[in-house]
Amino acid sequence: MRGLDIESLVVVGIATNVCVESTIRDASYRDYNVFLPIEATASYTVEQEIGAIGNFEFAFARVVSLDNMINKLKK
C-alpha cells in the first residue's frame, strides 16, 4: 500500500473485537490513518462491541458515522 501512496484506511467487518481490532491495531502501528464507520461493524455481544470501539477511540482509529465517511470519500 505504501507503494501506492495510500495513507488512510477505512476498516469494516464482523467480529469487531477480534478481526477488525487486529486489523486496526496493525494499521495504526504502521502509521496509517484509520477510520471506522460505526454502523459497519458487528460483534457477537454488545459488551464486546462497546469494548472494542472504546479501544479504537482511545488510541487506534477515528470512529465516524457511515454518512460522515461517505461524505468524506465523495470529496
PDB file of N, CA and C in Angstrom:
ATOM      1  N   MET A   1       0.818  -1.184   0.000  1.00  0.00           N
ATOM      2  CA  MET A   1       0.000   0.000   0.000  1.00  0.00           C
ATOM      3  C   MET A   1       0.868   1.257   0.000  1.00  0.00           C
ATOM      4  N   ARG A   2       1.995   1.190   0.638  1.00  0.00           N
ATOM      5  CA  ARG A   2       2.882   2.360   0.647  1.00  0.00           C
ATOM      6  C   ARG A   2       3.323   2.712  -0.770  1.00  0.00           C
ATOM      7  N   GLY A   3       3.558   1.702  -1.599  1.00  0.00           N
ATOM      8  CA  GLY A   3       3.965   1.935  -2.969  1.00  0.00           C
ATOM      9  C   GLY A   3       2.887   2.626  -3.793  1.00  0.00           C
ATOM     10  N   LEU A   4       1.660   2.564  -3.327  1.00  0.00           N
ATOM     11  CA  LEU A   4       0.541   3.222  -3.997  1.00  0.00           C
ATOM     12  C   LEU A   4       0.187   4.554  -3.332  1.00  0.00           C
ATOM     13  N   ASP A   5       1.021   4.998  -2.392  1.00  0.00           N
ATOM     14  CA  ASP A   5       0.812   6.248  -1.649  1.00  0.00           C
ATOM     15  C   ASP A   5      -0.491   6.261  -0.852  1.00  0.00           C
ATOM     16  N   ILE A   6      -0.891   5.110  -0.356  1.00  0.00           N
ATOM     17  CA  ILE A   6      -2.084   5.026   0.489  1.00  0.00           C
ATOM     18  C   ILE A   6      -1.683   5.402   1.906  1.00  0.00           C
ATOM     19  N   GLU A   7      -2.413   6.357   2.466  1.00  0.00           N
ATOM     20  CA  GLU A   7      -2.120   6.831   3.818  1.00  0.00           C
ATOM     21  C   GLU A   7      -3.256   6.556   4.794  1.00  0.00           C
ATOM     22  N   SER A   8      -4.459   6.353   4.266  1.00  0.00           N
ATOM     23  CA  SER A   8      -5.630   6.172   5.113  1.00  0.00           C
ATOM     24  C   SER A   8      -6.354   4.887   4.748  1.00  0.00           C
ATOM     25  N   LEU A   9      -6.961   4.274   5.760  1.00  0.00           N
ATOM     26  CA  LEU A   9      -7.728   3.041   5.565  1.00  0.00           C
ATOM     27  C   LEU A   9      -9.098   3.184   6.210  1.00  0.00           C
ATOM     28  N   VAL A  10     -10.107   2.638   5.565  1.00  0.00           N
ATOM     29  CA  VAL A  10     -11.435   2.521   6.144  1.00  0.00           C
ATOM     30  C   VAL A  10     -11.625   1.043   6.426  1.00  0.00           C
ATOM     31  N   VAL A  11     -11.850   0.718   7.691  1.00  0.00           N
ATOM     32  CA  VAL A  11     -11.945  -0.681   8.099  1.00  0.00           C
ATOM     33  C   VAL A  11     -13.384  -0.981   8.526  1.00  0.00           C
ATOM     34  N   VAL A  12     -13.937  -2.074   7.991  1.00  0.00           N
ATOM     35  CA  VAL A  12     -15.284  -2.530   8.346  1.00  0.00           C
ATOM     36  C   VAL A  12     -15.234  -4.044   8.524  1.00  0.00           C
ATOM     37  N   GLY A  13     -16.246  -4.612   9.151  1.00  0.00           N
ATOM     38  CA  GLY A  13     -16.290  -6.061   9.248  1.00  0.00           C
ATOM     39  C   GLY A  13     -17.032  -6.564  10.461  1.00  0.00           C
ATOM     40  N   ILE A  14     -16.991  -7.879  10.615  1.00  0.00           N
ATOM     41  CA  ILE A  14     -17.629  -8.507  11.775  1.00  0.00           C
ATOM     42  C   ILE A  14     -16.558  -9.031  12.709  1.00  0.00           C
ATOM     43  N   ALA A  15     -16.994  -9.423  13.887  1.00  0.00           N
ATOM     44  CA  ALA A  15     -16.084  -9.782  14.980  1.00  0.00           C
ATOM     45  C   ALA A  15     -15.179  -8.580  15.283  1.00  0.00           C
ATOM     46  N   THR A  16     -15.837  -7.455  15.562  1.00  0.00           N
ATOM     47  CA  THR A  16     -15.138  -6.194  15.792  1.00  0.00           C
ATOM     48  C   THR A  16     -14.022  -6.346  16.810  1.00  0.00           C
ATOM     49  N   ASN A  17     -14.289  -7.078  17.863  1.00  0.00           N
ATOM     50  CA  ASN A  17     -13.322  -7.210  18.954  1.00  0.00           C
ATOM     51  C   ASN A  17     -12.198  -8.196  18.649  1.00  0.00           C
ATOM     52  N   VAL A  18     -12.233  -8.847  17.497  1.00  0.00           N
ATOM     53  CA  VAL A  18     -11.180  -9.797  17.136  1.00  0.00           C
ATOM     54  C   VAL A  18     -10.560  -9.388  15.799  1.00  0.00           C
ATOM     55  N   CYS A  19     -11.223  -9.701  14.718  1.00  0.00           N
ATOM     56  CA  CYS A  19     -10.670  -9.462  13.378  1.00  0.00           C
ATOM     57  C   CYS A  19     -10.488  -7.982  13.073  1.00  0.00           C
ATOM     58  N   VAL A  20     -11.545  -7.202  13.278  1.00  0.00           N
ATOM     59  CA  VAL A  20     -11.476  -5.771  12.981  1.00  0.00           C
ATOM     60  C   VAL A  20     -10.435  -5.104  13.875  1.00  0.00           C
ATOM     61  N   GLU A  21     -10.445  -5.454  15.145  1.00  0.00           N
ATOM     62  CA  GLU A  21      -9.485  -4.844  16.068  1.00  0.00           C
ATOM     63  C   GLU A  21      -8.045  -5.196  15.689  1.00  0.00           C
ATOM     64  N   SER A  22      -7.794  -6.409  15.287  1.00  0.00           N
ATOM     65  CA  SER A  22      -6.440  -6.799  14.868  1.00  0.00           C
ATOM     66  C   SER A  22      -5.991  -5.984  13.664  1.00  0.00           C
ATOM     67  N   THR A  23      -6.873  -5.819  12.705  1.00  0.00           N
ATOM     68  CA  THR A  23      -6.543  -5.046  11.502  1.00  0.00           C
ATOM     69  C   THR A  23      -6.282  -3.587  11.850  1.00  0.00           C
ATOM     70  N   ILE A  24      -7.146  -3.013  12.681  1.00  0.00           N
ATOM     71  CA  ILE A  24      -6.997  -1.600  13.043  1.00  0.00           C
ATOM     72  C   ILE A  24      -5.727  -1.371  13.837  1.00  0.00           C
ATOM     73  N   ARG A  25      -5.444  -2.214  14.794  1.00  0.00           N
ATOM     74  CA  ARG A  25      -4.213  -2.038  15.582  1.00  0.00           C
ATOM     75  C   ARG A  25      -2.980  -2.153  14.689  1.00  0.00           C
ATOM     76  N   ASP A  26      -2.952  -3.124  13.824  1.00  0.00           N
ATOM     77  CA  ASP A  26      -1.809  -3.309  12.933  1.00  0.00           C
ATOM     78  C   ASP A  26      -1.621  -2.097  12.021  1.00  0.00           C
ATOM     79  N   ALA A  27      -2.707  -1.612  11.463  1.00  0.00           N
ATOM     80  CA  ALA A  27      -2.627  -0.432  10.590  1.00  0.00           C
ATOM     81  C   ALA A  27      -2.173   0.793  11.370  1.00  0.00           C
ATOM     82  N   SER A  28      -2.669   0.952  12.573  1.00  0.00           N
ATOM     83  CA  SER A  28      -2.271   2.083  13.406  1.00  0.00           C
ATOM     84  C   SER A  28      -0.785   2.020  13.743  1.00  0.00           C
ATOM     85  N   TYR A  29      -0.298   0.843  14.099  1.00  0.00           N
ATOM     86  CA  TYR A  29       1.126   0.674  14.419  1.00  0.00           C
ATOM     87  C   TYR A  29       2.006   0.973  13.201  1.00  0.00           C
ATOM     88  N   ARG A  30       1.428   0.820  12.007  1.00  0.00           N
ATOM     89  CA  ARG A  30       2.172   1.099  10.774  1.00  0.00           C
ATOM     90  C   ARG A  30       1.939   2.533  10.283  1.00  0.00           C
ATOM     91  N   ASP A  31       1.365   3.354  11.159  1.00  0.00           N
ATOM     92  CA  ASP A  31       1.165   4.792  10.911  1.00  0.00           C
ATOM     93  C   ASP A  31       0.181   5.132   9.801  1.00  0.00           C
ATOM     94  N   TYR A  32      -0.802   4.274   9.577  1.00  0.00           N
ATOM     95  CA  TYR A  32      -1.885   4.624   8.672  1.00  0.00           C
ATOM     96  C   TYR A  32      -2.938   5.413   9.452  1.00  0.00           C
ATOM     97  N   ASN A  33      -3.639   6.312   8.778  1.00  0.00           N
ATOM     98  CA  ASN A  33      -4.804   6.981   9.345  1.00  0.00           C
ATOM     99  C   ASN A  33      -5.962   6.007   9.191  1.00  0.00           C
ATOM    100  N   VAL A  34      -6.533   5.595  10.307  1.00  0.00           N
ATOM    101  CA  VAL A  34      -7.562   4.558  10.269  1.00  0.00           C
ATOM    102  C   VAL A  34      -8.918   5.154  10.639  1.00  0.00           C
ATOM    103  N   PHE A  35      -9.915   4.829   9.821  1.00  0.00           N
ATOM    104  CA  PHE A  35     -11.284   5.271  10.059  1.00  0.00           C
ATOM    105  C   PHE A  35     -12.184   4.050  10.196  1.00  0.00           C
ATOM    106  N   LEU A  36     -13.108   4.123  11.141  1.00  0.00           N
ATOM    107  CA  LEU A  36     -14.052   3.030  11.367  1.00  0.00           C
ATOM    108  C   LEU A  36     -15.472   3.583  11.338  1.00  0.00           C
ATOM    109  N   PRO A  37     -16.254   3.303  10.277  1.00  0.00           N
ATOM    110  CA  PRO A  37     -17.663   3.687  10.270  1.00  0.00           C
ATOM    111  C   PRO A  37     -18.426   2.803  11.262  1.00  0.00           C
ATOM    112  N   ILE A  38     -18.962   3.414  12.286  1.00  0.00           N
ATOM    113  CA  ILE A  38     -19.538   2.682  13.412  1.00  0.00           C
ATOM    114  C   ILE A  38     -20.662   1.739  12.995  1.00  0.00           C
ATOM    115  N   GLU A  39     -21.418   2.069  11.968  1.00  0.00           N
ATOM    116  CA  GLU A  39     -22.533   1.214  11.544  1.00  0.00           C
ATOM    117  C   GLU A  39     -22.076   0.031  10.699  1.00  0.00           C
ATOM    118  N   ALA A  40     -20.793  -0.063  10.418  1.00  0.00           N
ATOM    119  CA  ALA A  40     -20.290  -1.100   9.513  1.00  0.00           C
ATOM    120  C   ALA A  40     -19.487  -2.177  10.232  1.00  0.00           C
ATOM    121  N   THR A  41     -19.783  -2.360  11.521  1.00  0.00           N
ATOM    122  CA  THR A  41     -19.118  -3.412  12.289  1.00  0.00           C
ATOM    123  C   THR A  41     -20.156  -4.151  13.130  1.00  0.00           C
ATOM    124  N   ALA A  42     -19.771  -5.320  13.594  1.00  0.00           N
ATOM    125  CA  ALA A  42     -20.645  -6.090  14.480  1.00  0.00           C
ATOM    126  C   ALA A  42     -19.815  -7.070  15.288  1.00  0.00           C
ATOM    127  N   SER A  43     -20.215  -7.249  16.537  1.00  0.00           N
ATOM    128  CA  SER A  43     -19.589  -8.237  17.419  1.00  0.00           C
ATOM    129  C   SER A  43     -20.645  -9.242  17.850  1.00  0.00           C
ATOM    130  N   TYR A  44     -20.218 -10.275  18.531  1.00  0.00           N
ATOM    131  CA  TYR A  44     -21.148 -11.303  18.982  1.00  0.00           C
ATOM    132  C   TYR A  44     -21.989 -10.832  20.163  1.00  0.00           C
ATOM    133  N   THR A  45     -21.448  -9.878  20.968  1.00  0.00           N
ATOM    134  CA  THR A  45     -22.220  -9.314  22.074  1.00  0.00           C
ATOM    135  C   THR A  45     -22.048  -7.797  22.085  1.00  0.00           C
ATOM    136  N   VAL A  46     -22.989  -7.125  22.693  1.00  0.00           N
ATOM    137  CA  VAL A  46     -22.920  -5.665  22.810  1.00  0.00           C
ATOM    138  C   VAL A  46     -21.697  -5.267  23.625  1.00  0.00           C
ATOM    139  N   GLU A  47     -21.402  -6.001  24.667  1.00  0.00           N
ATOM    140  CA  GLU A  47     -20.247  -5.681  25.515  1.00  0.00           C
ATOM    141  C   GLU A  47     -18.935  -5.749  24.736  1.00  0.00           C
ATOM    142  N   GLN A  48     -18.800  -6.750  23.876  1.00  0.00           N
ATOM    143  CA  GLN A  48     -17.593  -6.864  23.056  1.00  0.00           C
ATOM    144  C   GLN A  48     -17.481  -5.689  22.094  1.00  0.00           C
ATOM    145  N   GLU A  49     -18.587  -5.295  21.499  1.00  0.00           N
ATOM    146  CA  GLU A  49     -18.597  -4.173  20.558  1.00  0.00           C
ATOM    147  C   GLU A  49     -18.203  -2.875  21.267  1.00  0.00           C
ATOM    148  N   ILE A  50     -18.807  -2.628  22.410  1.00  0.00           N
ATOM    149  CA  ILE A  50     -18.517  -1.409  23.164  1.00  0.00           C
ATOM    150  C   ILE A  50     -17.053  -1.370  23.588  1.00  0.00           C
ATOM    151  N   GLY A  51     -16.521  -2.482  24.051  1.00  0.00           N
ATOM    152  CA  GLY A  51     -15.117  -2.534  24.459  1.00  0.00           C
ATOM    153  C   GLY A  51     -14.168  -2.253  23.311  1.00  0.00           C
ATOM    154  N   ALA A  52     -14.424  -2.862  22.172  1.00  0.00           N
ATOM    155  CA  ALA A  52     -13.560  -2.659  21.008  1.00  0.00           C
ATOM    156  C   ALA A  52     -13.628  -1.218  20.518  1.00  0.00           C
ATOM    157  N   ILE A  53     -14.828  -0.670  20.427  1.00  0.00           N
ATOM    158  CA  ILE A  53     -14.988   0.719  19.971  1.00  0.00           C
ATOM    159  C   ILE A  53     -14.269   1.662  20.929  1.00  0.00           C
ATOM    160  N   GLY A  54     -14.362   1.392  22.205  1.00  0.00           N
ATOM    161  CA  GLY A  54     -13.649   2.213  23.193  1.00  0.00           C
ATOM    162  C   GLY A  54     -12.147   2.194  22.969  1.00  0.00           C
ATOM    163  N   ASN A  55     -11.599   1.033  22.659  1.00  0.00           N
ATOM    164  CA  ASN A  55     -10.162   0.932  22.364  1.00  0.00           C
ATOM    165  C   ASN A  55      -9.804   1.736  21.122  1.00  0.00           C
ATOM    166  N   PHE A  56     -10.635   1.651  20.094  1.00  0.00           N
ATOM    167  CA  PHE A  56     -10.356   2.390  18.862  1.00  0.00           C
ATOM    168  C   PHE A  56     -10.342   3.882  19.128  1.00  0.00           C
ATOM    169  N   GLU A  57     -11.371   4.365  19.802  1.00  0.00           N
ATOM    170  CA  GLU A  57     -11.477   5.799  20.073  1.00  0.00           C
ATOM    171  C   GLU A  57     -10.322   6.298  20.940  1.00  0.00           C
ATOM    172  N   PHE A  58      -9.865   5.458  21.841  1.00  0.00           N
ATOM    173  CA  PHE A  58      -8.791   5.854  22.752  1.00  0.00           C
ATOM    174  C   PHE A  58      -7.459   6.013  22.039  1.00  0.00           C
ATOM    175  N   ALA A  59      -7.140   5.091  21.119  1.00  0.00           N
ATOM    176  CA  ALA A  59      -5.768   5.117  20.613  1.00  0.00           C
ATOM    177  C   ALA A  59      -5.541   4.722  19.165  1.00  0.00           C
ATOM    178  N   PHE A  60      -6.490   4.107  18.495  1.00  0.00           N
ATOM    179  CA  PHE A  60      -6.134   3.453  17.244  1.00  0.00           C
ATOM    180  C   PHE A  60      -6.847   3.937  15.977  1.00  0.00           C
ATOM    181  N   ALA A  61      -8.007   4.563  16.103  1.00  0.00           N
ATOM    182  CA  ALA A  61      -8.767   4.913  14.903  1.00  0.00           C
ATOM    183  C   ALA A  61      -9.715   6.070  15.188  1.00  0.00           C
ATOM    184  N   ARG A  62     -10.165   6.673  14.115  1.00  0.00           N
ATOM    185  CA  ARG A  62     -11.231   7.666  14.222  1.00  0.00           C
ATOM    186  C   ARG A  62     -12.539   6.947  13.950  1.00  0.00           C
ATOM    187  N   VAL A  63     -13.401   6.921  14.949  1.00  0.00           N
ATOM    188  CA  VAL A  63     -14.706   6.289  14.815  1.00  0.00           C
ATOM    189  C   VAL A  63     -15.667   7.358  14.297  1.00  0.00           C
ATOM    190  N   VAL A  64     -16.278   7.081  13.149  1.00  0.00           N
ATOM    191  CA  VAL A  64     -17.142   8.061  12.488  1.00  0.00           C
ATOM    192  C   VAL A  64     -18.456   7.406  12.087  1.00  0.00           C
ATOM    193  N   SER A  65     -19.436   8.236  11.770  1.00  0.00           N
ATOM    194  CA  SER A  65     -20.688   7.689  11.242  1.00  0.00           C
ATOM    195  C   SER A  65     -20.471   7.280   9.788  1.00  0.00           C
ATOM    196  N   LEU A  66     -21.275   6.375   9.325  1.00  0.00           N
ATOM    197  CA  LEU A  66     -21.181   5.922   7.937  1.00  0.00           C
ATOM    198  C   LEU A  66     -21.464   7.082   6.973  1.00  0.00           C
ATOM    199  N   ASP A  67     -22.460   7.889   7.285  1.00  0.00           N
ATOM    200  CA  ASP A  67     -22.762   9.053   6.443  1.00  0.00           C
ATOM    201  C   ASP A  67     -21.573  10.004   6.366  1.00  0.00           C
ATOM    202  N   ASN A  68     -20.928  10.249   7.495  1.00  0.00           N
ATOM    203  CA  ASN A  68     -19.758  11.122   7.526  1.00  0.00           C
ATOM    204  C   ASN A  68     -18.640  10.554   6.649  1.00  0.00           C
ATOM    205  N   MET A  69     -18.424   9.253   6.734  1.00  0.00           N
ATOM    206  CA  MET A  69     -17.365   8.609   5.954  1.00  0.00           C
ATOM    207  C   MET A  69     -17.668   8.697   4.456  1.00  0.00           C
ATOM    208  N   ILE A  70     -18.917   8.450   4.078  1.00  0.00           N
ATOM    209  CA  ILE A  70     -19.299   8.529   2.665  1.00  0.00           C
ATOM    210  C   ILE A  70     -19.087   9.947   2.151  1.00  0.00           C
ATOM    211  N   ASN A  71     -19.467  10.930   2.941  1.00  0.00           N
ATOM    212  CA  ASN A  71     -19.274  12.321   2.528  1.00  0.00           C
ATOM    213  C   ASN A  71     -17.799  12.657   2.362  1.00  0.00           C
ATOM    214  N   LYS A  72     -16.950  12.157   3.232  1.00  0.00           N
ATOM    215  CA  LYS A  72     -15.508  12.399   3.116  1.00  0.00           C
ATOM    216  C   LYS A  72     -14.950  11.761   1.846  1.00  0.00           C
ATOM    217  N   LEU A  73     -15.438  10.583   1.498  1.00  0.00           N
ATOM    218  CA  LEU A  73     -14.957   9.878   0.309  1.00  0.00           C
ATOM    219  C   LEU A  73     -15.410  10.541  -0.981  1.00  0.00           C
ATOM    220  N   LYS A  74     -16.516  11.243  -0.951  1.00  0.00           N
ATOM    221  CA  LYS A  74     -17.025  11.916  -2.143  1.00  0.00           C
ATOM    222  C   LYS A  74     -16.189  13.126  -2.513  1.00  0.00           C
ATOM    223  N   LYS A  75     -15.460  13.679  -1.559  1.00  0.00           N
ATOM    224  CA  LYS A  75     -14.681  14.905  -1.812  1.00  0.00           C
ATOM    225  C   LYS A  75     -13.442  14.650  -2.592  1.00  0.00           C
TER     226      LYS A  75
END
